[in-house]
Amino acid sequence: MEGIKKRWLTRPLQAALKALPVVVLTGARQTGKTTLAQALPHRRTFLTLDDLGVLGQAESDPDSLLVTRPVTVDEVQRAPGFLLSVKRQVDRQRKAGEFLLTGSANLLLMGKVAESLAGRAVYLELLPFCPVEWTERAGGLDPLDSLFEPDFDPEVWPDARGDWQSWLLRGGYPSAVSAENEEGRRLWFAGYVQTYLERDLRQLSDVSSLPDFQRVMALAANRSARLINQSDLARDAALSQPTVHRYLNLLETGCLLVRLSPFTTNPTTGLVKGKKLLWSDCGLAAWMAGIRTAADLTKRLDQGYWLEQTIFQTLQSWRAIDPSSRKIHYWRDTAGHEADFILEKDGVLVAIEIKASHQVSPKDAEGINAFRRGLVKGTQFRCGVVLHAGPNARPLGTDLWALPWGWLLPKAAALRQET
């Protein structure tokens, strides 16, 4: 398929189809799941449950849909019971790559799904594009992976200036990134939210008041990259705490919201144990928070959080390439020390602090050092990194570096060239 952006998840998807009989590809609507599935080189029967006829058949006689294989079934969350039929077919004849199921919801979080296909399926998530993936930069995320090497060389870290504000407003949905102007992008986000509220959300749960749900979305967006306090959110939304809890769960099930858990193997007392709220797409989060233009952003006093949300767009793409061995946490103690992100790869840890300023001093790494001091003996801590807006990489101490984040968020000139 010509003119289609290459996705980093293509290789893991193809490897999974060679290993297990069922591959479940999830992700928010409009991330490109159907496009990726149809672009696979080997021919497969393609069915979508967005077709009401196919949906009815999946609900009344699901086995009849699985006669011709290998098969791809799109939007499978619309018929949760269909997974029981897939399980039966796999147990009768186990063959790698027979079933590719896609869905605009995290099936493992859906209460209506009784069958997880444990031992039969691998789950992958197709996220919105991150800037490095969209601009098809050579080497992809190699610099990020280099942080886990025992002999990290700062010379391999690209020295480039970035433009995070432009990427925050665009996010990573293809239609929003490639929009010709701000007005077109705002209209797209408005339509996306409306579609989600009026169609996708109703498939996941019965929500009595869409205005209440949209208000919770906006309040949650304004808490991006911060610890989530559901009681405070419920008070601001004028709703009960159980209702807000259910709405947040629905946003997470719909692959729109991410709640990071703290790094918990640290024995230090006084650790913060709440979850950190982030959105899978920074552009959607900014739109929901009322940040529609660069001028809107300049009025905000919380720009540091929005920079963190924008960089998370790339970190989550790094995790999605191999979710079994890569994890993302945060760390904070009650004394005020914190590390924005703790990346884990095969048990090796890298701590990251993000700064919007061009100037960095060892004081900016106090949270990373506090995290490192409290680790259990034998934990494989590789290095700490303070990402900053300046152009230069330099050491801040032993296994501690100041590195520019510019290459993660290339300037608008590079974006215009690609779009």
Protein backbone atom coordinates (compact mmCIF):
# COMPACT_ATOMS: atom_id res chain seq x y z
CA MET A 1 0.00 0.00 0.00
CA GLU A 2 1.70 3.14 -1.24
CA GLY A 3 1.66 6.41 0.65
CA ILE A 4 1.20 4.70 4.01
CA LYS A 5 3.46 5.75 6.87
CA LYS A 6 5.60 2.91 8.17
CA ARG A 7 4.72 1.81 11.69
CA TRP A 8 7.26 0.58 14.20
CA LEU A 9 4.78 -2.05 15.36
CA THR A 10 4.83 -3.81 11.97
CA ARG A 11 7.80 -6.02 12.83
CA PRO A 12 6.54 -7.05 16.31
CA LEU A 13 3.12 -7.76 14.78
CA GLN A 14 4.57 -10.00 12.08
CA ALA A 15 6.73 -11.80 14.67
CA ALA A 16 3.70 -12.38 16.88
CA LEU A 17 1.71 -13.85 13.98
CA LYS A 18 4.47 -16.41 13.52
CA ALA A 19 4.51 -17.37 17.18
CA LEU A 20 0.92 -17.63 18.47
CA PRO A 21 -2.46 -18.56 16.96
CA VAL A 22 -4.14 -15.31 18.05
CA VAL A 23 -2.81 -11.76 17.92
CA VAL A 24 -4.95 -9.00 19.41
CA LEU A 25 -4.13 -5.53 18.12
CA THR A 26 -5.80 -2.81 20.18
CA GLY A 27 -5.61 0.97 20.24
CA ALA A 28 -7.78 4.06 20.14
CA ARG A 29 -9.89 4.61 17.05
CA GLN A 30 -8.06 6.36 14.17
CA THR A 31 -4.56 5.22 15.16
CA GLY A 32 -4.33 3.09 12.00
CA LYS A 33 -5.05 -0.46 13.20
CA THR A 34 -7.11 -1.40 10.15
CA THR A 35 -4.57 0.12 7.78
CA LEU A 36 -1.74 -1.79 9.45
CA ALA A 37 -3.67 -5.07 9.42
CA GLN A 38 -4.57 -4.74 5.74
CA ALA A 39 -0.99 -3.85 4.80
CA LEU A 40 0.41 -7.18 5.99
CA PRO A 41 2.15 -9.02 3.14
CA HIS A 42 0.31 -12.35 3.45
CA ARG A 43 -3.26 -12.58 2.24
CA ARG A 44 -5.94 -12.86 4.91
CA THR A 45 -9.73 -12.86 4.92
CA PHE A 46 -10.86 -9.48 6.31
CA LEU A 47 -14.07 -9.00 8.29
CA THR A 48 -15.22 -5.96 10.24
CA LEU A 49 -17.84 -5.91 12.96
CA ASP A 50 -18.63 -2.33 11.96
CA ASP A 51 -20.66 -4.11 9.24
CA LEU A 52 -24.01 -4.79 10.91
CA GLY A 53 -24.49 -7.99 8.93
CA VAL A 54 -21.14 -9.37 10.04
CA LEU A 55 -21.83 -8.20 13.60
CA GLY A 56 -25.13 -10.06 13.67
CA GLN A 57 -23.44 -13.21 12.43
CA ALA A 58 -20.68 -12.86 15.04
CA GLU A 59 -23.34 -12.76 17.74
CA SER A 60 -25.64 -15.51 16.43
CA ASP A 61 -23.29 -17.96 14.66
CA PRO A 62 -19.67 -16.92 15.31
CA ASP A 63 -18.12 -20.21 14.20
CA SER A 64 -19.37 -19.63 10.66
CA LEU A 65 -17.19 -16.51 10.37
CA LEU A 66 -14.05 -18.49 11.09
CA VAL A 67 -14.29 -21.09 8.34
CA THR A 68 -11.82 -19.36 6.02
CA ARG A 69 -8.44 -18.74 7.63
CA PRO A 70 -6.17 -16.96 8.27
CA VAL A 71 -8.66 -14.25 9.14
CA THR A 72 -8.57 -10.70 10.42
CA VAL A 73 -11.60 -9.55 12.43
CA ASP A 74 -11.80 -5.78 12.88
CA GLU A 75 -13.48 -3.97 15.82
CA VAL A 76 -13.92 -7.20 17.75
CA GLN A 77 -14.89 -5.32 20.94
CA ARG A 78 -18.37 -4.95 19.47
CA ALA A 79 -19.04 -8.67 20.09
CA PRO A 80 -17.13 -9.72 23.24
CA GLY A 81 -18.66 -13.21 23.17
CA PHE A 82 -16.98 -13.81 19.80
CA LEU A 83 -13.72 -14.56 21.64
CA LEU A 84 -15.20 -17.79 23.01
CA SER A 85 -15.59 -19.05 19.44
CA VAL A 86 -11.98 -18.09 18.67
CA LYS A 87 -10.89 -20.05 21.75
CA ARG A 88 -12.78 -23.13 20.58
CA GLN A 89 -11.21 -22.98 17.14
CA VAL A 90 -7.70 -22.61 18.56
CA ASP A 91 -8.19 -25.54 20.92
CA ARG A 92 -9.34 -27.73 18.04
CA GLN A 93 -6.41 -26.88 15.81
CA ARG A 94 -3.56 -24.70 17.03
CA LYS A 95 -1.75 -22.94 14.20
CA ALA A 96 0.28 -19.73 14.38
CA GLY A 97 -1.19 -16.62 12.80
CA GLU A 98 -4.68 -17.95 12.21
CA PHE A 99 -6.51 -15.08 13.92
CA LEU A 100 -5.72 -11.37 13.96
CA LEU A 101 -8.25 -9.46 16.05
CA THR A 102 -8.31 -5.68 16.22
CA GLY A 103 -10.29 -3.49 18.56
CA SER A 104 -10.71 0.12 19.62
CA ALA A 105 -10.72 -0.90 23.27
CA ASN A 106 -8.43 -2.72 25.66
CA LEU A 107 -10.16 -6.10 25.74
CA LEU A 108 -8.41 -7.09 28.96
CA LEU A 109 -10.10 -4.18 30.75
CA MET A 110 -13.58 -4.75 29.33
CA GLY A 111 -15.97 -6.16 31.90
CA LYS A 112 -18.04 -7.84 29.18
CA VAL A 113 -15.10 -9.94 27.95
CA ALA A 114 -15.13 -13.27 29.77
CA GLU A 115 -12.37 -14.89 27.71
CA SER A 116 -8.81 -13.49 27.78
CA LEU A 117 -7.39 -16.20 25.43
CA ALA A 118 -4.61 -16.79 27.95
CA GLY A 119 -1.85 -18.96 26.50
CA ARG A 120 -3.29 -18.54 23.03
CA ALA A 121 -2.89 -14.84 22.29
CA VAL A 122 -0.42 -11.99 22.41
CA TYR A 123 -1.70 -8.46 22.92
CA LEU A 124 -0.18 -5.47 21.13
CA GLU A 125 -1.24 -1.82 21.21
CA LEU A 126 -0.98 0.54 18.25
CA LEU A 127 -0.53 4.02 19.67
CA PRO A 128 -0.81 7.37 17.93
CA PHE A 129 2.35 8.36 16.06
CA CYS A 130 5.15 9.89 18.07
CA PRO A 131 7.22 12.63 16.39
CA VAL A 132 10.22 10.37 15.68
CA GLU A 133 8.02 7.75 14.05
CA TRP A 134 6.01 10.27 12.01
CA THR A 135 9.10 12.00 10.60
CA GLU A 136 10.68 8.58 9.89
CA ARG A 137 13.99 9.58 11.43
CA ALA A 138 16.85 7.21 10.72
CA GLY A 139 17.67 5.05 13.70
CA GLY A 140 14.25 5.40 15.27
CA LEU A 141 14.62 5.17 19.03
CA ASP A 142 18.21 3.89 19.01
CA PRO A 143 19.44 6.83 21.15
CA LEU A 144 16.86 5.98 23.81
CA ASP A 145 17.88 2.33 23.79
CA SER A 146 21.53 3.35 24.11
CA LEU A 147 20.80 4.62 27.65
CA PHE A 148 20.52 1.01 28.76
CA GLU A 149 23.99 0.09 27.52
CA PRO A 150 26.72 -0.30 30.19
CA ASP A 151 29.04 2.00 28.25
CA PHE A 152 26.60 4.74 27.22
CA ASP A 153 28.33 7.25 24.96
CA PRO A 154 26.78 10.74 24.94
CA GLU A 155 28.15 11.21 21.44
CA VAL A 156 25.41 8.93 20.09
CA TRP A 157 22.75 11.22 21.54
CA PRO A 158 21.56 13.61 18.79
CA ASP A 159 22.31 17.28 19.41
CA ALA A 160 19.27 19.08 18.01
CA ARG A 161 16.84 21.83 18.91
CA GLY A 162 13.20 20.91 19.23
CA ASP A 163 9.72 22.43 19.04
CA TRP A 164 7.54 20.70 21.59
CA GLN A 165 4.68 23.21 21.40
CA SER A 166 3.89 22.28 17.77
CA TRP A 167 3.83 18.58 18.59
CA LEU A 168 1.67 19.12 21.65
CA LEU A 169 -1.04 20.75 19.53
CA ARG A 170 -0.84 18.13 16.78
CA GLY A 171 -0.53 14.94 18.79
CA GLY A 172 -0.13 11.74 16.82
CA TYR A 173 -3.39 10.89 15.07
CA PRO A 174 -2.54 10.95 11.33
CA SER A 175 -5.43 13.24 10.40
CA ALA A 176 -4.51 15.75 13.10
CA VAL A 177 -0.78 15.74 12.39
CA SER A 178 -1.30 16.27 8.67
CA ALA A 179 -4.06 18.88 9.00
CA GLU A 180 -3.32 21.90 6.81
CA ASN A 181 -4.04 24.48 9.50
CA GLU A 182 -5.09 24.95 13.11
CA GLU A 183 -8.77 25.28 12.22
CA GLY A 184 -8.79 21.97 10.40
CA ARG A 185 -7.08 20.29 13.32
CA ARG A 186 -9.52 21.76 15.85
CA LEU A 187 -12.46 20.55 13.77
CA TRP A 188 -10.97 17.08 13.57
CA PHE A 189 -10.49 16.83 17.35
CA ALA A 190 -14.04 18.11 17.92
CA GLY A 191 -15.41 15.45 15.60
CA TYR A 192 -13.27 12.77 17.20
CA VAL A 193 -14.56 13.55 20.69
CA GLN A 194 -18.14 13.67 19.45
CA THR A 195 -17.77 10.30 17.73
CA TYR A 196 -16.19 8.79 20.82
CA LEU A 197 -18.97 10.06 23.07
CA GLU A 198 -21.86 9.19 20.79
CA ARG A 199 -20.65 5.88 19.40
CA ASP A 200 -17.59 4.19 20.90
CA LEU A 201 -18.41 5.02 24.51
CA ARG A 202 -21.92 3.58 24.21
CA GLN A 203 -20.40 0.30 22.99
CA LEU A 204 -18.33 0.06 26.16
CA SER A 205 -20.86 1.12 28.78
CA ASP A 206 -24.17 2.77 29.46
CA VAL A 207 -23.39 6.41 30.30
CA SER A 208 -26.50 8.30 31.30
CA SER A 209 -25.09 11.81 30.90
CA LEU A 210 -22.68 12.54 28.07
CA PRO A 211 -22.16 16.18 29.25
CA ASP A 212 -21.02 14.85 32.65
CA PHE A 213 -18.62 12.44 30.96
CA GLN A 214 -17.20 15.16 28.72
CA ARG A 215 -16.71 17.39 31.76
CA VAL A 216 -14.68 14.65 33.42
CA MET A 217 -12.61 14.31 30.24
CA ALA A 218 -11.81 18.02 30.28
CA LEU A 219 -10.92 18.00 33.97
CA ALA A 220 -8.74 14.93 33.51
CA ALA A 221 -6.99 16.58 30.56
CA ASN A 222 -6.15 19.57 32.73
CA ARG A 223 -4.48 17.17 35.15
CA SER A 224 -2.17 15.64 32.52
CA ALA A 225 1.18 14.41 33.86
CA ARG A 226 0.04 14.82 37.46
CA LEU A 227 -0.96 12.45 40.22
CA ILE A 228 -4.65 11.74 39.98
CA ASN A 229 -6.82 12.35 43.03
CA GLN A 230 -10.24 10.96 42.20
CA SER A 231 -11.91 12.65 45.17
CA ASP A 232 -10.71 16.08 44.04
CA LEU A 233 -11.72 15.33 40.47
CA ALA A 234 -15.17 14.22 41.61
CA ARG A 235 -15.61 17.41 43.63
CA ASP A 236 -14.66 19.62 40.68
CA ALA A 237 -16.96 17.65 38.38
CA ALA A 238 -19.82 17.75 40.91
CA LEU A 239 -20.15 13.98 40.61
CA SER A 240 -19.78 11.07 42.99
CA GLN A 241 -16.35 9.50 43.39
CA PRO A 242 -17.57 6.07 42.15
CA THR A 243 -18.95 7.72 39.00
CA VAL A 244 -15.66 9.48 38.27
CA HIS A 245 -13.79 6.24 38.96
CA ARG A 246 -15.98 4.45 36.40
CA TYR A 247 -15.51 7.22 33.83
CA LEU A 248 -11.73 7.10 34.18
CA ASN A 249 -11.83 3.33 33.76
CA LEU A 250 -13.83 3.78 30.56
CA LEU A 251 -11.28 6.26 29.20
CA GLU A 252 -8.52 3.77 29.96
CA THR A 253 -10.49 0.91 28.41
CA GLY A 254 -10.97 3.06 25.30
CA CYS A 255 -7.17 3.42 25.02
CA LEU A 256 -7.35 7.20 25.55
CA LEU A 257 -6.00 7.43 29.08
CA VAL A 258 -2.90 5.96 30.73
CA ARG A 259 -2.39 5.70 34.48
CA LEU A 260 1.23 5.07 35.41
CA SER A 261 1.97 3.14 38.58
CA PRO A 262 4.87 4.16 40.84
CA PHE A 263 8.05 2.15 40.93
CA THR A 264 7.33 0.07 44.01
CA THR A 265 10.28 -2.24 44.75
CA ASN A 266 12.04 0.62 46.52
CA PRO A 267 12.00 -0.07 50.31
CA THR A 268 12.24 3.61 51.26
CA THR A 269 9.42 4.69 53.52
CA GLY A 270 7.20 7.62 52.66
CA LEU A 271 6.70 6.85 48.98
CA VAL A 272 3.77 8.31 47.08
CA LYS A 273 1.59 5.41 45.90
CA GLY A 274 -1.02 7.13 43.73
CA LYS A 275 -1.10 6.82 39.95
CA LYS A 276 0.06 9.40 37.46
CA LEU A 277 -2.42 10.42 34.78
CA LEU A 278 -1.32 10.78 31.17
CA TRP A 279 -3.09 10.65 27.83
CA SER A 280 -2.12 8.37 24.96
CA ASP A 281 -2.31 11.38 22.62
CA CYS A 282 -0.99 14.76 23.71
CA GLY A 283 -2.93 16.62 20.99
CA LEU A 284 -6.27 15.25 22.16
CA ALA A 285 -5.36 16.04 25.78
CA ALA A 286 -4.43 19.61 24.88
CA TRP A 287 -7.63 20.10 22.90
CA MET A 288 -9.74 18.75 25.76
CA ALA A 289 -7.91 21.09 28.17
CA GLY A 290 -8.73 24.12 26.03
CA ILE A 291 -5.27 24.49 24.50
CA ARG A 292 -6.16 25.00 20.85
CA THR A 293 -3.37 27.39 19.71
CA ALA A 294 0.17 28.33 20.64
CA ALA A 295 -1.24 31.52 22.20
CA ASP A 296 -3.41 29.40 24.50
CA LEU A 297 -0.33 27.53 25.67
CA THR A 298 1.65 30.70 26.48
CA LYS A 299 -1.05 31.66 29.01
CA ARG A 300 -0.65 28.43 30.96
CA LEU A 301 1.34 28.22 34.17
CA ASP A 302 1.68 24.45 33.85
CA GLN A 303 3.75 24.23 30.67
CA GLY A 304 6.24 21.88 32.31
CA TYR A 305 3.55 19.25 32.70
CA TRP A 306 2.55 19.62 29.07
CA LEU A 307 6.15 19.15 27.95
CA GLU A 308 6.20 15.95 30.00
CA GLN A 309 2.94 14.83 28.37
CA THR A 310 4.38 15.53 24.91
CA ILE A 311 7.57 13.54 25.55
CA PHE A 312 5.50 10.69 26.98
CA GLN A 313 4.08 10.30 23.46
CA THR A 314 7.48 8.92 22.42
CA LEU A 315 8.19 6.96 25.59
CA GLN A 316 4.95 5.00 25.28
CA SER A 317 5.84 4.15 21.67
CA TRP A 318 9.17 2.82 22.94
CA ARG A 319 7.31 0.64 25.44
CA ALA A 320 4.76 -0.64 22.90
CA ILE A 321 7.45 -2.15 20.67
CA ASP A 322 8.09 -4.84 23.29
CA PRO A 323 5.61 -4.56 26.18
CA SER A 324 6.74 -7.83 27.75
CA SER A 325 10.22 -6.51 28.52
CA ARG A 326 9.68 -2.72 28.62
CA LYS A 327 7.81 -0.83 31.32
CA ILE A 328 7.29 2.79 32.35
CA HIS A 329 6.81 3.98 35.93
CA TYR A 330 7.23 7.21 37.84
CA TRP A 331 8.75 7.78 41.29
CA ARG A 332 8.01 10.27 44.04
CA ASP A 333 8.42 10.40 47.81
CA THR A 334 6.59 12.45 50.40
CA ALA A 335 9.68 14.62 50.90
CA GLY A 336 9.17 16.06 47.41
CA HIS A 337 11.86 14.13 45.53
CA GLU A 338 10.69 12.78 42.20
CA ALA A 339 11.71 11.33 38.87
CA ASP A 340 9.28 11.98 36.05
CA PHE A 341 9.73 8.57 34.44
CA ILE A 342 11.45 5.32 35.33
CA LEU A 343 12.09 3.26 32.20
CA GLU A 344 12.67 -0.44 32.66
CA LYS A 345 14.07 -2.75 30.00
CA ASP A 346 14.76 -6.40 30.86
CA GLY A 347 15.14 -5.44 34.51
CA VAL A 348 17.55 -2.54 33.85
CA LEU A 349 16.44 0.91 35.04
CA VAL A 350 16.89 4.41 33.61
CA ALA A 351 15.51 7.39 35.52
CA ILE A 352 14.41 10.48 33.57
CA GLU A 353 13.68 14.03 34.68
CA ILE A 354 12.32 16.51 32.13
CA LYS A 355 13.08 20.23 32.14
CA ALA A 356 11.81 22.99 29.86
CA SER A 357 14.81 25.23 30.56
CA HIS A 358 18.03 25.45 28.56
CA GLN A 359 20.21 25.46 31.67
CA VAL A 360 20.72 22.37 33.83
CA SER A 361 22.67 21.93 37.06
CA PRO A 362 23.30 18.89 39.30
CA LYS A 363 20.52 20.21 41.55
CA ASP A 364 18.02 19.26 38.82
CA ALA A 365 19.01 15.62 39.37
CA GLU A 366 18.24 15.55 43.11
CA GLY A 367 15.16 13.43 42.56
CA ILE A 368 17.07 10.91 40.45
CA ASN A 369 19.80 10.67 43.10
CA ALA A 370 17.19 10.15 45.84
CA PHE A 371 15.64 7.38 43.76
CA ARG A 372 19.00 5.73 43.23
CA ARG A 373 19.97 5.89 46.92
CA GLY A 374 16.85 4.02 47.95
CA LEU A 375 17.11 1.12 45.54
CA VAL A 376 17.49 -2.43 46.79
CA LYS A 377 21.03 -3.74 46.58
CA GLY A 378 21.51 -5.59 43.31
CA THR A 379 18.99 -3.53 41.36
CA GLN A 380 20.36 -2.79 37.91
CA PHE A 381 20.29 1.00 37.77
CA ARG A 382 22.00 2.03 34.55
CA CYS A 383 21.86 5.82 34.54
CA GLY A 384 19.89 8.95 35.27
CA VAL A 385 19.06 11.54 32.62
CA VAL A 386 17.90 15.14 32.83
CA LEU A 387 16.33 16.01 29.49
CA HIS A 388 16.53 19.74 28.76
CA ALA A 389 15.93 22.30 26.01
CA GLY A 390 19.59 23.17 25.54
CA PRO A 391 21.81 21.94 22.71
CA ASN A 392 24.58 20.15 24.60
CA ALA A 393 25.08 16.81 26.34
CA ARG A 394 27.28 16.72 29.41
CA PRO A 395 27.83 14.64 32.57
CA LEU A 396 26.24 15.72 35.84
CA GLY A 397 27.87 13.02 37.94
CA THR A 398 28.52 9.30 37.95
CA ASP A 399 26.07 7.63 35.55
CA LEU A 400 24.17 10.89 35.39
CA TRP A 401 23.72 12.95 32.23
CA ALA A 402 22.17 16.16 30.96
CA LEU A 403 20.88 15.48 27.44
CA PRO A 404 18.80 17.60 25.02
CA TRP A 405 15.29 16.43 24.20
CA GLY A 406 15.26 18.28 20.85
CA TRP A 407 15.61 15.19 18.64
CA LEU A 408 12.48 13.70 20.23
CA LEU A 409 10.44 16.74 19.13
CA PRO A 410 11.92 18.05 15.86
CA LYS A 411 11.33 21.62 14.79
CA ALA A 412 8.33 22.61 12.67
CA ALA A 413 10.48 22.77 9.50
CA ALA A 414 11.03 19.01 9.68
CA LEU A 415 7.34 18.49 10.30
CA ARG A 416 6.28 20.53 7.27
CA GLN A 417 8.71 18.61 5.10
CA GLU A 418 7.14 15.31 6.13
CA THR A 419 3.49 16.36 5.88
